[in-house]
Amino acid sequence: MYDNAFNQIERDLRAEEGVANELDYVEQTSWVLFLKYLHDLESERRDRAELDGEDYSPIITGEFRWDRWAAPKMDGEFDHNVARTGDDLIKFVNEELFAYLAKFRQTADGPRTIQYKIGEIFTELRNKFRSGYILRDVLETIDGLSFNTQAQRHELSQLYETRIRRMGNAGRNGGEYYTPRPLIRAMVKVIGPKISETIYDGAVGSAGFLCEAYDYMRRDNLSASDYETLQTKTFYGQEKKGLAYIIGIMNMILHGIEAPNLIHSNTLNENVMDIQEKDRHNVILANPPFGGSERREVQQNFPIRTGETAYLFLQHFIRKLKAGGRAAVVIKNTFLSNGDQASVALRKELLESCDLHTILDCPQGTFQGAGVKTVVLFFDKGAATRRTWFYQLDPGRSLGKTNPLNDDDLKEFVALQKAFADSPKSWTLNRADLDEATFDLSVKNPNAPEKAALRGPEEIIADMMARDAETTEILENIRGLL
């Protein structure tokens, strides 16, 4: 049902002049989906309150309720006589609906409420539908979807993730939002977050790390207290870009986190020397943007000054981690060996302030369209590194758009990592064996099977002549039979 609905919406949006690409598609689908999801959530809460003999005060009231402007009904059937359409619908959305919803940012009790998140979303977003007739078709399609059960919400969240992945593959800017979910799930399994721990992503993007961590930690038998902790006191993130921030909030809400603790801000504007214990977290999961360049005033916030965005984020993460905390961070593989002053200094700091116990070397094509190889750094805060276990991921095929990374590709890594076991793909490097001048951590697998030596020219020519002689003999035998 959901897949067919998304396909129908996509067909409608192809005819919409204001929706130009996959980024617009996800953005405009998001706000409509969000309002329908919110309507179903409010209906569920109202029904629950009535069963408990309590009053329920809805968040969205009057003509701004979904069943008043988006999908008015008479006796359970859609009422076309009342429903706005055409220019009337676009005018209502642009001038009244978005303005009403944006005010929730000022009237909410605090930033950790769903009311505040509604206000933020509709302060940041702009309606890009120009045709009220196309918007009417999209509204009617989405009204046919139901988000009342956990299974329905899970199916919707999976389809939403699919659209985010397509958005990530649509262009370089979109690609910053998407990390392959099998890789995220493997990182979460290795870290093993627990209830009562806080989890942070300072480059949250579409919130894939936080959503997967939530799915990993959520259980049907959670106590009411643990469920409340998971909902309100576990997941934290920051995102600089407006669209990514909105998509991250939407993604978390669709996964079941009703009021995500996400902040719309540039993480790197924070001076790392000002980070206090109350600001730190137990777990950090992140894939910070790499290849970017930050201004000099931003670089002043870090002891190791560099224009490389990923290096600044790594310094931020080291200081954001509580003592005993655990982190898994994606970074370019050149970080392991670059000889510039900033790279060497940062490797030295990481090795001395944290236990860099695991490095996962990812193959080319893991990140579609990225054009660079990456590694995942797994480290614990508090003790210096004594040894590092490497795993060289080799799925046995070329990765690409039609052949992406999958969960089975990472099963061996997750299993071997528990005991830091050696294998043809894994090995251990002792800290004492590192060059103290460079702290080079290059991936050099000593356990890889030796490749057969290439044959010399003389051997190749001799083999060709032998085959020619054999062919001549066979042909002469055939001629004798004629």
Protein backbone atom coordinates (compact mmCIF):
# COMPACT_ATOMS: atom_id res chain seq x y z
CA MET A 1 0.00 0.00 0.00
CA TYR A 2 2.69 2.49 1.02
CA ASP A 3 4.92 1.68 -1.94
CA ASN A 4 2.07 2.24 -4.39
CA ALA A 5 1.21 5.52 -2.67
CA PHE A 6 4.79 6.79 -2.89
CA ASN A 7 4.96 5.84 -6.57
CA GLN A 8 1.69 7.70 -7.22
CA ILE A 9 3.00 10.79 -5.41
CA GLU A 10 6.17 10.65 -7.49
CA ARG A 11 4.14 10.55 -10.69
CA ASP A 12 2.14 13.57 -9.50
CA LEU A 13 5.27 15.52 -8.61
CA ARG A 14 6.83 15.00 -12.03
CA ALA A 15 4.16 17.36 -13.34
CA GLU A 16 4.75 19.96 -10.60
CA GLU A 17 6.87 22.90 -11.77
CA GLY A 18 7.96 23.83 -8.25
CA VAL A 19 9.46 20.40 -7.51
CA ALA A 20 12.63 20.13 -9.57
CA ASN A 21 14.66 17.20 -8.20
CA GLU A 22 14.92 14.42 -5.61
CA LEU A 23 15.81 16.91 -2.88
CA ASP A 24 12.60 18.84 -3.51
CA TYR A 25 10.67 15.58 -3.72
CA VAL A 26 11.72 14.45 -0.26
CA GLU A 27 11.27 17.92 1.23
CA GLN A 28 7.75 18.46 -0.10
CA THR A 29 6.60 14.92 0.57
CA SER A 30 7.95 15.27 4.12
CA TRP A 31 5.79 18.15 5.28
CA VAL A 32 2.60 16.59 3.93
CA LEU A 33 3.44 13.19 5.45
CA PHE A 34 4.31 14.85 8.73
CA LEU A 35 0.93 16.56 9.06
CA LYS A 36 -0.96 13.34 8.28
CA TYR A 37 1.22 11.41 10.75
CA LEU A 38 0.57 14.09 13.38
CA HIS A 39 -3.19 13.89 12.75
CA ASP A 40 -3.18 10.11 13.27
CA LEU A 41 -1.04 10.49 16.39
CA GLU A 42 -3.47 13.03 17.83
CA SER A 43 -6.44 10.78 17.00
CA GLU A 44 -4.77 7.92 18.83
CA ARG A 45 -4.05 10.10 21.87
CA ARG A 46 -7.62 11.40 21.91
CA ASP A 47 -9.05 7.87 21.79
CA ARG A 48 -6.74 6.77 24.58
CA ALA A 49 -7.77 9.74 26.73
CA GLU A 50 -11.46 8.96 26.21
CA LEU A 51 -10.91 5.35 27.31
CA ASP A 52 -9.18 6.64 30.43
CA GLY A 53 -11.96 9.15 31.07
CA GLU A 54 -9.63 12.09 30.54
CA ASP A 55 -9.78 15.24 28.42
CA TYR A 56 -7.42 15.69 25.50
CA SER A 57 -6.29 19.06 24.18
CA PRO A 58 -5.17 18.74 20.55
CA ILE A 59 -2.00 20.42 19.34
CA ILE A 60 -3.50 21.57 16.04
CA THR A 61 -6.97 23.04 16.20
CA GLY A 62 -9.74 24.58 14.10
CA GLU A 63 -9.46 24.90 10.34
CA PHE A 64 -5.82 23.82 10.47
CA ARG A 65 -6.68 20.24 11.43
CA TRP A 66 -5.90 17.72 8.69
CA ASP A 67 -9.53 16.59 8.48
CA ARG A 68 -10.67 20.17 7.94
CA TRP A 69 -8.34 21.48 5.20
CA ALA A 70 -6.53 18.48 3.71
CA ALA A 71 -9.16 15.75 3.77
CA PRO A 72 -12.63 16.94 4.80
CA LYS A 73 -15.15 14.11 4.89
CA MET A 74 -18.91 13.66 5.03
CA ASP A 75 -20.18 10.33 6.42
CA GLY A 76 -16.70 8.87 6.04
CA GLU A 77 -16.41 9.83 2.35
CA PHE A 78 -14.20 12.57 0.94
CA ASP A 79 -16.21 15.77 0.55
CA HIS A 80 -15.14 17.45 -2.69
CA ASN A 81 -17.67 20.24 -2.18
CA VAL A 82 -15.80 21.49 0.90
CA ALA A 83 -12.20 20.63 0.03
CA ARG A 84 -10.01 23.51 -1.13
CA THR A 85 -8.22 23.08 -4.44
CA GLY A 86 -6.45 25.09 -7.14
CA ASP A 87 -5.25 28.60 -6.25
CA ASP A 88 -7.47 28.65 -3.16
CA LEU A 89 -5.58 25.69 -1.67
CA ILE A 90 -2.11 27.12 -2.45
CA LYS A 91 -3.07 30.49 -0.95
CA PHE A 92 -4.35 28.84 2.24
CA VAL A 93 -1.19 26.75 2.64
CA ASN A 94 1.23 29.60 1.96
CA GLU A 95 -0.48 32.43 3.82
CA GLU A 96 -2.35 30.72 6.64
CA LEU A 97 -1.32 27.12 7.36
CA PHE A 98 2.47 27.56 7.38
CA ALA A 99 2.19 30.82 9.34
CA TYR A 100 -0.03 29.13 11.97
CA LEU A 101 2.30 26.16 12.38
CA ALA A 102 5.46 28.30 12.49
CA LYS A 103 4.08 30.16 15.55
CA PHE A 104 4.39 26.98 17.63
CA ARG A 105 8.10 27.78 17.94
CA GLN A 106 7.25 30.80 20.06
CA THR A 107 4.30 29.34 21.99
CA ALA A 108 5.75 25.90 22.88
CA ASP A 109 6.75 25.18 26.47
CA GLY A 110 10.30 24.34 25.45
CA PRO A 111 12.59 23.08 22.65
CA ARG A 112 12.13 19.43 23.67
CA THR A 113 8.43 19.36 22.83
CA ILE A 114 6.72 18.22 19.67
CA GLN A 115 5.06 21.65 19.48
CA TYR A 116 8.48 23.30 19.22
CA LYS A 117 9.59 20.86 16.52
CA ILE A 118 6.43 21.64 14.52
CA GLY A 119 7.29 25.32 14.75
CA GLU A 120 10.87 24.72 13.64
CA ILE A 121 9.85 22.58 10.68
CA PHE A 122 7.41 25.13 9.31
CA THR A 123 9.73 28.04 10.00
CA GLU A 124 12.44 26.39 7.89
CA LEU A 125 10.30 24.90 5.11
CA ARG A 126 8.60 26.61 2.21
CA ASN A 127 5.76 25.11 0.20
CA LYS A 128 7.01 24.56 -3.36
CA PHE A 129 3.75 23.32 -4.83
CA ARG A 130 2.50 25.81 -7.40
CA SER A 131 -0.46 23.81 -8.63
CA GLY A 132 -3.25 23.40 -6.11
CA TYR A 133 -4.64 20.58 -8.23
CA ILE A 134 -1.45 18.52 -7.96
CA LEU A 135 -1.24 19.26 -4.24
CA ARG A 136 -4.88 18.13 -3.88
CA ASP A 137 -3.99 14.79 -5.57
CA VAL A 138 -1.01 14.32 -3.22
CA LEU A 139 -3.13 15.13 -0.16
CA GLU A 140 -5.76 12.57 -1.14
CA THR A 141 -3.11 9.89 -1.73
CA ILE A 142 -1.46 10.50 1.65
CA ASP A 143 -4.83 10.64 3.41
CA GLY A 144 -5.31 7.03 2.34
CA LEU A 145 -2.29 6.00 4.43
CA SER A 146 -2.65 4.95 8.05
CA PHE A 147 0.04 5.38 10.71
CA ASN A 148 -1.87 3.97 13.66
CA THR A 149 0.22 0.86 14.41
CA GLN A 150 3.94 0.31 14.98
CA ALA A 151 4.05 -2.02 11.96
CA GLN A 152 2.55 0.68 9.73
CA ARG A 153 5.00 3.29 11.00
CA HIS A 154 7.91 0.89 10.47
CA GLU A 155 6.88 0.24 6.87
CA LEU A 156 6.54 3.95 6.24
CA SER A 157 9.92 4.70 7.82
CA GLN A 158 11.60 2.09 5.59
CA LEU A 159 10.09 3.64 2.46
CA TYR A 160 11.11 7.09 3.64
CA GLU A 161 14.68 5.80 4.07
CA THR A 162 14.56 4.54 0.48
CA ARG A 163 13.65 8.03 -0.72
CA ILE A 164 16.45 9.54 1.37
CA ARG A 165 18.91 7.11 -0.23
CA ARG A 166 17.73 8.14 -3.68
CA MET A 167 18.08 11.77 -2.66
CA GLY A 168 21.61 11.02 -1.46
CA ASN A 169 22.49 9.56 -4.85
CA ALA A 170 20.95 12.47 -6.74
CA GLY A 171 23.87 14.83 -6.23
CA ARG A 172 26.89 15.80 -4.21
CA ASN A 173 24.99 17.96 -1.72
CA GLY A 174 22.38 15.26 -1.12
CA GLY A 175 25.12 12.67 -0.67
CA GLU A 176 26.12 14.33 2.57
CA TYR A 177 22.84 13.15 4.08
CA TYR A 178 23.12 9.42 3.43
CA THR A 179 25.26 6.68 4.98
CA PRO A 180 24.61 3.06 3.92
CA ARG A 181 22.30 1.57 6.55
CA PRO A 182 24.11 -1.82 6.68
CA LEU A 183 27.29 0.02 7.68
CA ILE A 184 25.42 2.01 10.34
CA ARG A 185 23.84 -1.16 11.75
CA ALA A 186 27.25 -2.83 12.02
CA MET A 187 28.67 0.22 13.80
CA VAL A 188 25.72 0.24 16.24
CA LYS A 189 26.15 -3.49 16.97
CA VAL A 190 29.85 -3.06 17.77
CA ILE A 191 29.18 -0.06 20.04
CA GLY A 192 26.16 -1.73 21.72
CA PRO A 193 24.31 1.32 23.19
CA LYS A 194 22.26 0.72 26.33
CA ILE A 195 19.24 2.31 27.99
CA SER A 196 20.30 5.27 30.22
CA GLU A 197 23.21 6.14 27.91
CA THR A 198 23.06 9.25 25.75
CA ILE A 199 23.85 9.01 22.02
CA TYR A 200 25.09 11.95 19.98
CA ASP A 201 25.70 12.80 16.34
CA GLY A 202 27.09 16.27 15.68
CA ALA A 203 26.63 15.92 11.90
CA VAL A 204 23.21 14.36 12.10
CA GLY A 205 22.07 14.70 8.48
CA SER A 206 19.01 12.49 7.96
CA ALA A 207 19.52 11.04 11.48
CA GLY A 208 20.29 7.55 10.19
CA PHE A 209 22.63 6.77 13.10
CA LEU A 210 20.12 7.87 15.73
CA CYS A 211 17.23 6.01 14.04
CA GLU A 212 19.19 2.77 13.77
CA ALA A 213 20.34 3.09 17.37
CA TYR A 214 16.72 3.58 18.43
CA ASP A 215 15.65 0.47 16.50
CA TYR A 216 18.50 -1.47 18.15
CA MET A 217 17.55 -0.37 21.68
CA ARG A 218 13.74 -0.47 21.44
CA ARG A 219 12.08 -3.59 22.85
CA ASP A 220 8.43 -4.52 23.27
CA ASN A 221 9.01 -5.34 26.95
CA LEU A 222 10.58 -2.01 27.94
CA SER A 223 9.29 -0.56 31.20
CA ALA A 224 7.41 2.73 31.08
CA SER A 225 10.42 4.44 32.65
CA ASP A 226 12.88 3.01 30.13
CA TYR A 227 10.58 3.90 27.25
CA GLU A 228 10.34 7.49 28.50
CA THR A 229 14.14 7.62 28.80
CA LEU A 230 14.53 6.30 25.26
CA GLN A 231 12.06 8.84 23.92
CA THR A 232 13.30 11.97 25.66
CA LYS A 233 16.76 11.55 27.22
CA THR A 234 18.77 9.36 24.84
CA PHE A 235 19.24 10.81 21.35
CA TYR A 236 20.90 14.14 20.59
CA GLY A 237 22.12 15.73 17.39
CA GLN A 238 23.08 18.92 15.59
CA GLU A 239 22.82 19.79 11.91
CA LYS A 240 23.94 22.85 10.00
CA LYS A 241 21.89 22.56 6.81
CA GLY A 242 18.20 23.39 6.88
CA LEU A 243 16.89 20.65 4.60
CA ALA A 244 18.96 17.93 6.26
CA TYR A 245 17.75 19.13 9.67
CA ILE A 246 14.09 18.92 8.63
CA ILE A 247 14.55 15.48 7.07
CA GLY A 248 16.37 14.30 10.20
CA ILE A 249 13.49 15.38 12.44
CA MET A 250 10.95 13.79 10.11
CA ASN A 251 12.93 10.54 9.93
CA MET A 252 13.18 10.26 13.71
CA ILE A 253 9.48 11.00 14.17
CA LEU A 254 8.54 8.34 11.62
CA HIS A 255 10.76 5.86 13.47
CA GLY A 256 8.80 6.57 16.64
CA ILE A 257 10.74 9.31 18.44
CA GLU A 258 8.04 11.93 18.90
CA ALA A 259 10.12 14.98 19.88
CA PRO A 260 13.70 14.57 18.63
CA ASN A 261 16.45 16.42 20.50
CA LEU A 262 17.95 17.88 17.35
CA ILE A 263 19.37 21.39 17.14
CA HIS A 264 19.70 23.41 13.96
CA SER A 265 23.20 24.86 14.30
CA ASN A 266 26.76 24.60 13.02
CA THR A 267 28.48 22.20 15.41
CA LEU A 268 31.91 23.58 14.49
CA ASN A 269 31.02 27.05 15.78
CA GLU A 270 31.35 25.63 19.30
CA ASN A 271 34.76 26.14 20.91
CA VAL A 272 35.86 22.67 22.00
CA MET A 273 37.68 24.11 25.01
CA ASP A 274 34.33 25.30 26.38
CA ILE A 275 32.77 21.82 26.40
CA GLN A 276 31.88 20.83 29.96
CA GLU A 277 30.99 17.49 31.54
CA LYS A 278 27.25 18.22 31.27
CA ASP A 279 27.68 18.56 27.50
CA ARG A 280 29.28 15.15 27.02
CA HIS A 281 27.75 11.85 25.90
CA ASN A 282 28.23 8.13 26.43
CA VAL A 283 28.09 7.18 22.75
CA ILE A 284 28.96 9.03 19.55
CA LEU A 285 27.97 7.67 16.13
CA ALA A 286 28.70 9.86 13.13
CA ASN A 287 29.77 10.30 9.53
CA PRO A 288 30.90 13.94 9.41
CA PRO A 289 31.20 15.64 6.01
CA PHE A 290 34.70 15.43 4.55
CA GLY A 291 36.49 17.36 1.87
CA GLY A 292 34.97 20.64 3.02
CA SER A 293 36.84 23.72 4.10
CA GLU A 294 36.06 25.84 7.15
CA ARG A 295 36.81 29.54 7.62
CA ARG A 296 39.69 30.72 9.80
CA GLU A 297 37.37 31.98 12.54
CA VAL A 298 35.85 28.48 12.80
CA GLN A 299 39.31 26.89 12.94
CA GLN A 300 40.07 29.08 15.99
CA ASN A 301 37.70 26.86 17.99
CA PHE A 302 40.11 23.92 17.81
CA PRO A 303 43.62 23.28 19.15
CA ILE A 304 44.65 21.55 15.91
CA ARG A 305 43.78 24.09 13.24
CA THR A 306 42.94 22.81 9.80
CA GLY A 307 40.52 23.59 7.02
CA GLU A 308 39.50 19.93 6.68
CA THR A 309 35.97 19.69 8.06
CA ALA A 310 36.24 16.03 9.08
CA TYR A 311 39.36 16.71 11.19
CA LEU A 312 37.55 19.46 13.09
CA PHE A 313 34.60 17.17 13.72
CA LEU A 314 36.91 14.43 15.02
CA GLN A 315 38.41 16.86 17.55
CA HIS A 316 34.87 17.84 18.56
CA PHE A 317 33.85 14.21 19.03
CA ILE A 318 36.89 13.36 21.16
CA ARG A 319 35.99 16.16 23.55
CA LYS A 320 32.25 15.47 23.46
CA LEU A 321 32.77 11.92 24.72
CA LYS A 322 32.43 11.13 28.43
CA ALA A 323 35.24 9.28 30.18
CA GLY A 324 34.63 5.63 29.36
CA GLY A 325 32.42 6.62 26.44
CA ARG A 326 32.46 4.86 23.06
CA ALA A 327 32.55 6.23 19.54
CA ALA A 328 32.36 5.03 15.94
CA VAL A 329 33.20 7.67 13.34
CA VAL A 330 33.52 7.43 9.55
CA ILE A 331 36.45 9.32 8.03
CA LYS A 332 38.53 9.33 4.81
CA ASN A 333 41.15 6.60 4.80
CA THR A 334 43.84 9.17 4.00
CA PHE A 335 43.54 10.29 7.63
CA LEU A 336 45.51 7.17 8.57
CA SER A 337 48.61 8.11 6.59
CA ASN A 338 48.64 11.78 5.53
CA GLY A 339 51.94 13.39 6.45
CA ASP A 340 50.77 16.99 6.94
CA GLN A 341 51.12 18.56 10.36
CA ALA A 342 47.40 18.51 11.22
CA SER A 343 46.96 14.82 10.30
CA VAL A 344 49.97 13.71 12.33
CA ALA A 345 48.95 15.83 15.33
CA LEU A 346 45.38 14.53 15.25
CA ARG A 347 46.46 10.88 15.02
CA LYS A 348 48.78 11.47 17.97
CA GLU A 349 45.98 13.05 20.03
CA LEU A 350 43.53 10.26 19.19
CA LEU A 351 46.03 7.55 20.16
CA GLU A 352 47.03 9.27 23.41
CA SER A 353 43.60 10.36 24.67
CA CYS A 354 41.55 7.39 23.47
CA ASP A 355 41.81 3.65 22.95
CA LEU A 356 41.57 3.33 19.17
CA HIS A 357 40.80 -0.38 19.38
CA THR A 358 39.29 -1.02 15.92
CA ILE A 359 39.64 0.29 12.37
CA LEU A 360 37.26 -0.96 9.70
CA ASP A 361 38.67 -0.44 6.19
CA CYS A 362 35.77 -0.01 3.74
CA PRO A 363 36.08 -0.85 0.04
CA GLN A 364 35.72 1.56 -2.84
CA GLY A 365 32.05 2.12 -3.64
CA THR A 366 30.78 1.82 -0.06
CA PHE A 367 29.61 5.44 -0.32
CA GLN A 368 28.00 5.82 -3.71
CA GLY A 369 29.28 8.83 -5.58
CA ALA A 370 31.79 9.80 -2.88
CA GLY A 371 34.83 8.95 -5.00
CA VAL A 372 37.03 8.26 -1.96
CA LYS A 373 37.75 5.29 0.27
CA THR A 374 36.72 5.50 3.92
CA VAL A 375 37.48 3.85 7.24
CA VAL A 376 35.51 3.64 10.48
CA LEU A 377 37.35 4.52 13.68
CA PHE A 378 36.10 2.80 16.84
CA PHE A 379 37.53 4.30 20.03
CA ASP A 380 36.89 4.54 23.77
CA LYS A 381 37.65 7.67 25.79
CA GLY A 382 39.98 7.62 28.78
CA ALA A 383 42.89 5.25 28.19
CA ALA A 384 45.66 5.51 25.60
CA THR A 385 45.81 3.09 22.69
CA ARG A 386 47.95 -0.03 23.22
CA ARG A 387 46.93 -1.99 20.14
CA THR A 388 44.56 -1.55 17.19
CA TRP A 389 42.65 -4.32 15.41
CA PHE A 390 42.13 -3.84 11.68
CA TYR A 391 39.54 -5.47 9.47
CA GLN A 392 39.73 -5.10 5.69
CA LEU A 393 36.20 -5.42 4.37
CA ASP A 394 36.09 -7.32 1.07
CA PRO A 395 32.59 -8.30 -0.10
CA GLY A 396 34.07 -10.19 -3.06
CA ARG A 397 32.44 -7.94 -5.65
CA SER A 398 32.52 -4.38 -6.91
CA LEU A 399 30.11 -2.14 -5.00
CA GLY A 400 27.90 0.31 -6.84
CA LYS A 401 24.42 1.71 -7.27
CA THR A 402 22.95 -1.61 -8.42
CA ASN A 403 25.11 -3.69 -6.08
CA PRO A 404 25.31 -1.86 -2.74
CA LEU A 405 26.70 -2.95 0.60
CA ASN A 406 24.41 -5.31 2.52
CA ASP A 407 24.17 -6.67 6.07
CA ASP A 408 25.67 -10.04 5.14
CA ASP A 409 28.84 -8.29 3.93
CA LEU A 410 29.49 -7.10 7.50
CA LYS A 411 28.56 -10.23 9.49
CA GLU A 412 32.13 -11.54 9.68
CA PHE A 413 33.45 -8.15 10.80
CA VAL A 414 30.94 -7.93 13.66
CA ALA A 415 31.63 -11.53 14.73
CA LEU A 416 35.44 -11.30 14.65
CA GLN A 417 35.55 -7.86 16.27
CA LYS A 418 34.19 -9.19 19.56
CA ALA A 419 37.43 -11.09 20.20
CA PHE A 420 39.70 -9.01 17.93
CA ALA A 421 40.42 -12.25 16.11
CA ASP A 422 43.02 -12.57 13.38
CA SER A 423 41.97 -13.86 9.96
CA PRO A 424 42.97 -13.41 6.32
CA LYS A 425 41.11 -10.07 6.49
CA SER A 426 42.07 -8.96 10.03
CA TRP A 427 45.20 -8.31 12.06
CA THR A 428 46.48 -6.38 15.09
CA LEU A 429 48.97 -3.51 15.14
CA ASN A 430 50.75 -2.74 18.42
CA ARG A 431 51.10 0.89 19.42
CA ALA A 432 54.76 0.28 20.26
CA ASP A 433 55.45 -0.59 16.63
CA LEU A 434 54.26 2.77 15.29
CA ASP A 435 56.68 5.37 13.97
CA GLU A 436 56.72 8.05 16.69
CA ALA A 437 57.38 10.74 14.09
CA THR A 438 54.38 10.04 11.87
CA PHE A 439 51.99 7.73 13.81
CA ASP A 440 51.22 6.17 10.42
CA LEU A 441 48.22 3.81 10.65
CA SER A 442 48.11 2.78 6.99
CA VAL A 443 46.12 -0.34 6.17
CA LYS A 444 48.73 -3.02 5.45
CA ASN A 445 47.32 -6.52 5.82
CA PRO A 446 50.10 -8.98 6.80
CA ASN A 447 47.66 -11.93 6.68
CA ALA A 448 46.46 -11.48 3.10
CA PRO A 449 47.17 -14.53 0.93
CA GLU A 450 50.21 -13.98 -1.26
CA LYS A 451 49.33 -13.33 -4.87
CA ALA A 452 50.98 -15.54 -7.45
CA ALA A 453 53.94 -13.84 -9.06
CA LEU A 454 53.37 -12.60 -12.58
CA ARG A 455 55.02 -14.71 -15.30
CA GLY A 456 58.02 -13.32 -17.13
CA PRO A 457 57.98 -12.49 -20.86
CA GLU A 458 60.12 -15.52 -21.81
CA GLU A 459 57.74 -17.90 -20.02
CA ILE A 460 54.69 -16.31 -21.69
CA ILE A 461 56.31 -16.55 -25.19
CA ALA A 462 57.33 -20.18 -24.62
CA ASP A 463 53.77 -21.02 -23.54
CA MET A 464 52.32 -19.33 -26.64
CA MET A 465 54.72 -21.24 -28.95
CA ALA A 466 53.81 -24.53 -27.25
CA ARG A 467 50.11 -23.84 -27.76
CA ASP A 468 50.74 -22.93 -31.41
CA ALA A 469 52.58 -26.21 -31.95
CA GLU A 470 49.74 -28.12 -30.29
CA THR A 471 47.19 -26.36 -32.50
CA THR A 472 49.23 -27.18 -35.64
CA GLU A 473 49.39 -30.84 -34.67
CA ILE A 474 45.62 -31.01 -34.14
CA LEU A 475 44.97 -29.40 -37.53
CA GLU A 476 47.30 -31.83 -39.30
CA ASN A 477 45.47 -34.77 -37.67
CA ILE A 478 42.12 -33.37 -38.86
CA ARG A 479 43.53 -32.98 -42.43
CA GLY A 480 44.58 -36.62 -42.41
CA LEU A 481 41.01 -37.64 -41.67
CA LEU A 482 39.60 -35.76 -44.66
